[in-house]
Amino acid sequence: MNFSSPGIARNNRKAPRCERHDAFLHPEEQAESATRFPAGHQAQMAFLLASYAGNASVVAALLGTRARTVHRHCRGWPPPPGLRLRRALRRRVLDLVCPRCLSDRAVEEARQARRDARRAARRIPREQGGPNR
């Protein structure tokens, strides 16, 4: 018997799994992620478009497609053939839904804010036409 193999629930293709954090998620975090994850490609595209304030060009750049494709897909058109767009869409939605990804993003934004504050404090304010020149 191989105890290192993943369980039945982890092999379920319908359950959303974050590739980076799947092994570290607690059951309640997995349930939260599953409830927040939109079902279906059209719902995922609409969720992604709403999270980027309706800016289809940004979503298109993230997915590597055109803005027109994003609008069509949100209106109910089928996605273009191939797995590339569907996988990119699923990966981006999981990044916005996974609780660990959200906390990682918040930590990184806090680090960047502290870094910017340190840089601003290090800058020497220039004197406006001082007499010492």
C-alpha atoms as a PDB file:
ATOM      1  CA  MET A   1       0.000   0.000   0.000  1.00  0.00           C
ATOM      2  CA  ASN A   2       1.408   3.368  -0.988  1.00  0.00           C
ATOM      3  CA  PHE A   3       0.713   5.932   1.743  1.00  0.00           C
ATOM      4  CA  SER A   4       2.372   8.786  -0.134  1.00  0.00           C
ATOM      5  CA  SER A   5      -0.176   8.759  -2.949  1.00  0.00           C
ATOM      6  CA  PRO A   6      -2.790  11.519  -2.921  1.00  0.00           C
ATOM      7  CA  GLY A   7      -6.229  10.676  -1.618  1.00  0.00           C
ATOM      8  CA  ILE A   8      -9.414  10.336  -3.612  1.00  0.00           C
ATOM      9  CA  ALA A   9     -10.560  13.873  -2.821  1.00  0.00           C
ATOM     10  CA  ARG A  10      -7.327  15.358  -4.146  1.00  0.00           C
ATOM     11  CA  ASN A  11      -7.772  13.573  -7.464  1.00  0.00           C
ATOM     12  CA  ASN A  12     -11.186  15.130  -8.007  1.00  0.00           C
ATOM     13  CA  ARG A  13     -10.776  17.358 -11.059  1.00  0.00           C
ATOM     14  CA  LYS A  14     -13.842  19.436 -10.209  1.00  0.00           C
ATOM     15  CA  ALA A  15     -12.509  20.691  -6.877  1.00  0.00           C
ATOM     16  CA  PRO A  16     -10.350  23.800  -7.291  1.00  0.00           C
ATOM     17  CA  ARG A  17      -6.771  23.240  -6.163  1.00  0.00           C
ATOM     18  CA  CYS A  18      -4.091  25.866  -5.852  1.00  0.00           C
ATOM     19  CA  GLU A  19      -0.883  24.282  -7.123  1.00  0.00           C
ATOM     20  CA  ARG A  20       1.321  26.277  -4.751  1.00  0.00           C
ATOM     21  CA  HIS A  21      -0.727  25.896  -1.563  1.00  0.00           C
ATOM     22  CA  ASP A  22      -2.768  22.714  -1.941  1.00  0.00           C
ATOM     23  CA  ALA A  23      -0.621  20.700   0.482  1.00  0.00           C
ATOM     24  CA  PHE A  24      -0.746  23.449   3.127  1.00  0.00           C
ATOM     25  CA  LEU A  25      -4.462  24.283   3.095  1.00  0.00           C
ATOM     26  CA  HIS A  26      -6.607  23.282   6.056  1.00  0.00           C
ATOM     27  CA  PRO A  27      -9.986  21.663   5.303  1.00  0.00           C
ATOM     28  CA  GLU A  28     -11.878  24.860   6.173  1.00  0.00           C
ATOM     29  CA  GLU A  29      -9.634  26.853   3.809  1.00  0.00           C
ATOM     30  CA  GLN A  30     -10.273  24.301   1.068  1.00  0.00           C
ATOM     31  CA  ALA A  31     -14.010  24.597   1.664  1.00  0.00           C
ATOM     32  CA  GLU A  32     -13.801  28.403   1.558  1.00  0.00           C
ATOM     33  CA  SER A  33     -11.842  28.262  -1.677  1.00  0.00           C
ATOM     34  CA  ALA A  34     -14.341  25.813  -3.195  1.00  0.00           C
ATOM     35  CA  THR A  35     -17.333  27.983  -2.282  1.00  0.00           C
ATOM     36  CA  ARG A  36     -15.736  31.155  -3.674  1.00  0.00           C
ATOM     37  CA  PHE A  37     -14.597  29.478  -6.914  1.00  0.00           C
ATOM     38  CA  PRO A  38     -17.081  30.193  -9.741  1.00  0.00           C
ATOM     39  CA  ALA A  39     -18.408  27.146 -11.591  1.00  0.00           C
ATOM     40  CA  GLY A  40     -17.973  27.136 -15.351  1.00  0.00           C
ATOM     41  CA  HIS A  41     -15.713  28.995 -17.736  1.00  0.00           C
ATOM     42  CA  GLN A  42     -18.169  31.811 -18.406  1.00  0.00           C
ATOM     43  CA  ALA A  43     -18.655  32.472 -14.681  1.00  0.00           C
ATOM     44  CA  GLN A  44     -14.883  32.383 -14.157  1.00  0.00           C
ATOM     45  CA  MET A  45     -14.344  34.925 -16.933  1.00  0.00           C
ATOM     46  CA  ALA A  46     -17.075  37.188 -15.518  1.00  0.00           C
ATOM     47  CA  PHE A  47     -15.534  36.885 -12.027  1.00  0.00           C
ATOM     48  CA  LEU A  48     -12.088  37.764 -13.367  1.00  0.00           C
ATOM     49  CA  LEU A  49     -13.473  40.698 -15.340  1.00  0.00           C
ATOM     50  CA  ALA A  50     -15.351  41.987 -12.278  1.00  0.00           C
ATOM     51  CA  SER A  51     -12.275  41.691 -10.068  1.00  0.00           C
ATOM     52  CA  TYR A  52     -10.319  43.859 -12.515  1.00  0.00           C
ATOM     53  CA  ALA A  53     -13.079  46.519 -12.561  1.00  0.00           C
ATOM     54  CA  GLY A  54     -14.394  45.538 -15.972  1.00  0.00           C
ATOM     55  CA  ASN A  55     -11.107  46.298 -17.723  1.00  0.00           C
ATOM     56  CA  ALA A  56     -11.166  43.706 -20.500  1.00  0.00           C
ATOM     57  CA  SER A  57      -7.788  44.719 -21.909  1.00  0.00           C
ATOM     58  CA  VAL A  58      -6.069  43.901 -18.589  1.00  0.00           C
ATOM     59  CA  VAL A  59      -7.822  40.532 -18.377  1.00  0.00           C
ATOM     60  CA  ALA A  60      -6.922  39.835 -21.994  1.00  0.00           C
ATOM     61  CA  ALA A  61      -3.269  40.659 -21.318  1.00  0.00           C
ATOM     62  CA  LEU A  62      -3.267  38.333 -18.299  1.00  0.00           C
ATOM     63  CA  LEU A  63      -4.770  35.497 -20.308  1.00  0.00           C
ATOM     64  CA  GLY A  64      -2.775  36.094 -23.467  1.00  0.00           C
ATOM     65  CA  THR A  65      -5.777  36.743 -25.690  1.00  0.00           C
ATOM     66  CA  ARG A  66      -7.693  39.705 -27.122  1.00  0.00           C
ATOM     67  CA  ALA A  67     -10.150  41.959 -25.288  1.00  0.00           C
ATOM     68  CA  ARG A  68     -12.813  41.056 -27.837  1.00  0.00           C
ATOM     69  CA  THR A  69     -12.454  37.382 -26.872  1.00  0.00           C
ATOM     70  CA  VAL A  70     -12.940  38.286 -23.200  1.00  0.00           C
ATOM     71  CA  HIS A  71     -16.138  40.228 -23.935  1.00  0.00           C
ATOM     72  CA  ARG A  72     -17.520  37.470 -26.159  1.00  0.00           C
ATOM     73  CA  HIS A  73     -16.772  34.799 -23.603  1.00  0.00           C
ATOM     74  CA  CYS A  74     -18.554  36.765 -20.856  1.00  0.00           C
ATOM     75  CA  ARG A  75     -21.613  37.079 -23.104  1.00  0.00           C
ATOM     76  CA  GLY A  76     -21.856  33.315 -23.523  1.00  0.00           C
ATOM     77  CA  TRP A  77     -19.773  32.517 -26.570  1.00  0.00           C
ATOM     78  CA  PRO A  78     -17.743  29.328 -26.268  1.00  0.00           C
ATOM     79  CA  PRO A  79     -14.057  29.737 -25.468  1.00  0.00           C
ATOM     80  CA  PRO A  80     -11.525  29.354 -28.265  1.00  0.00           C
ATOM     81  CA  PRO A  81     -10.449  25.754 -28.894  1.00  0.00           C
ATOM     82  CA  GLY A  82      -7.556  24.428 -26.874  1.00  0.00           C
ATOM     83  CA  LEU A  83      -6.653  24.152 -23.235  1.00  0.00           C
ATOM     84  CA  ARG A  84      -4.284  27.130 -22.996  1.00  0.00           C
ATOM     85  CA  LEU A  85      -6.941  29.787 -22.343  1.00  0.00           C
ATOM     86  CA  ARG A  86      -8.964  27.585 -19.991  1.00  0.00           C
ATOM     87  CA  ARG A  87      -5.901  26.700 -17.925  1.00  0.00           C
ATOM     88  CA  ALA A  88      -4.773  30.334 -17.746  1.00  0.00           C
ATOM     89  CA  LEU A  89      -8.292  31.387 -16.740  1.00  0.00           C
ATOM     90  CA  ARG A  90      -8.491  28.759 -14.003  1.00  0.00           C
ATOM     91  CA  ARG A  91      -5.024  29.658 -12.677  1.00  0.00           C
ATOM     92  CA  ARG A  92      -5.846  33.389 -12.480  1.00  0.00           C
ATOM     93  CA  VAL A  93      -9.185  32.783 -10.766  1.00  0.00           C
ATOM     94  CA  LEU A  94      -7.537  30.449  -8.248  1.00  0.00           C
ATOM     95  CA  ASP A  95      -4.985  33.163  -7.460  1.00  0.00           C
ATOM     96  CA  LEU A  96      -7.872  35.474  -6.560  1.00  0.00           C
ATOM     97  CA  VAL A  97      -9.823  32.847  -4.590  1.00  0.00           C
ATOM     98  CA  CYS A  98      -7.177  30.855  -2.678  1.00  0.00           C
ATOM     99  CA  PRO A  99      -6.923  32.148   0.919  1.00  0.00           C
ATOM    100  CA  ARG A 100      -3.168  31.531   1.066  1.00  0.00           C
ATOM    101  CA  CYS A 101      -2.585  33.391  -2.223  1.00  0.00           C
ATOM    102  CA  LEU A 102      -4.620  36.308  -0.876  1.00  0.00           C
ATOM    103  CA  SER A 103      -2.590  36.422   2.342  1.00  0.00           C
ATOM    104  CA  ASP A 104       0.681  36.139   0.374  1.00  0.00           C
ATOM    105  CA  ARG A 105      -0.417  39.048  -1.803  1.00  0.00           C
ATOM    106  CA  ALA A 106      -1.326  41.148   1.261  1.00  0.00           C
ATOM    107  CA  VAL A 107       2.066  40.424   2.853  1.00  0.00           C
ATOM    108  CA  GLU A 108       3.874  41.382  -0.345  1.00  0.00           C
ATOM    109  CA  GLU A 109       1.885  44.627  -0.647  1.00  0.00           C
ATOM    110  CA  ALA A 110       2.756  45.489   2.970  1.00  0.00           C
ATOM    111  CA  ARG A 111       6.440  44.811   2.274  1.00  0.00           C
ATOM    112  CA  GLN A 112       6.312  47.024  -0.793  1.00  0.00           C
ATOM    113  CA  ALA A 113       4.648  49.821   1.191  1.00  0.00           C
ATOM    114  CA  ARG A 114       7.357  49.620   3.877  1.00  0.00           C
ATOM    115  CA  ARG A 115      10.041  49.584   1.185  1.00  0.00           C
ATOM    116  CA  ASP A 116       8.543  52.673  -0.454  1.00  0.00           C
ATOM    117  CA  ALA A 117       8.338  54.448   2.916  1.00  0.00           C
ATOM    118  CA  ARG A 118      12.008  53.702   3.603  1.00  0.00           C
ATOM    119  CA  ARG A 119      12.995  55.013   0.177  1.00  0.00           C
ATOM    120  CA  ALA A 120      10.972  58.181   0.707  1.00  0.00           C
ATOM    121  CA  ALA A 121      12.580  58.719   4.129  1.00  0.00           C
ATOM    122  CA  ARG A 122      16.078  58.258   2.696  1.00  0.00           C
ATOM    123  CA  ARG A 123      15.619  60.892   0.039  1.00  0.00           C
ATOM    124  CA  ILE A 124      17.229  64.141   1.025  1.00  0.00           C
ATOM    125  CA  PRO A 125      14.826  67.017   0.538  1.00  0.00           C
ATOM    126  CA  ARG A 126      16.335  69.664  -1.684  1.00  0.00           C
ATOM    127  CA  GLU A 127      16.355  73.190  -0.423  1.00  0.00           C
ATOM    128  CA  GLN A 128      14.630  75.706  -2.590  1.00  0.00           C
ATOM    129  CA  GLY A 129      17.226  78.371  -3.415  1.00  0.00           C
ATOM    130  CA  GLY A 130      19.065  78.217  -0.091  1.00  0.00           C
ATOM    131  CA  PRO A 131      21.857  80.750   0.705  1.00  0.00           C
ATOM    132  CA  ASN A 132      24.503  78.036   1.232  1.00  0.00           C
ATOM    133  CA  ARG A 133      25.075  77.510  -2.457  1.00  0.00           C
END
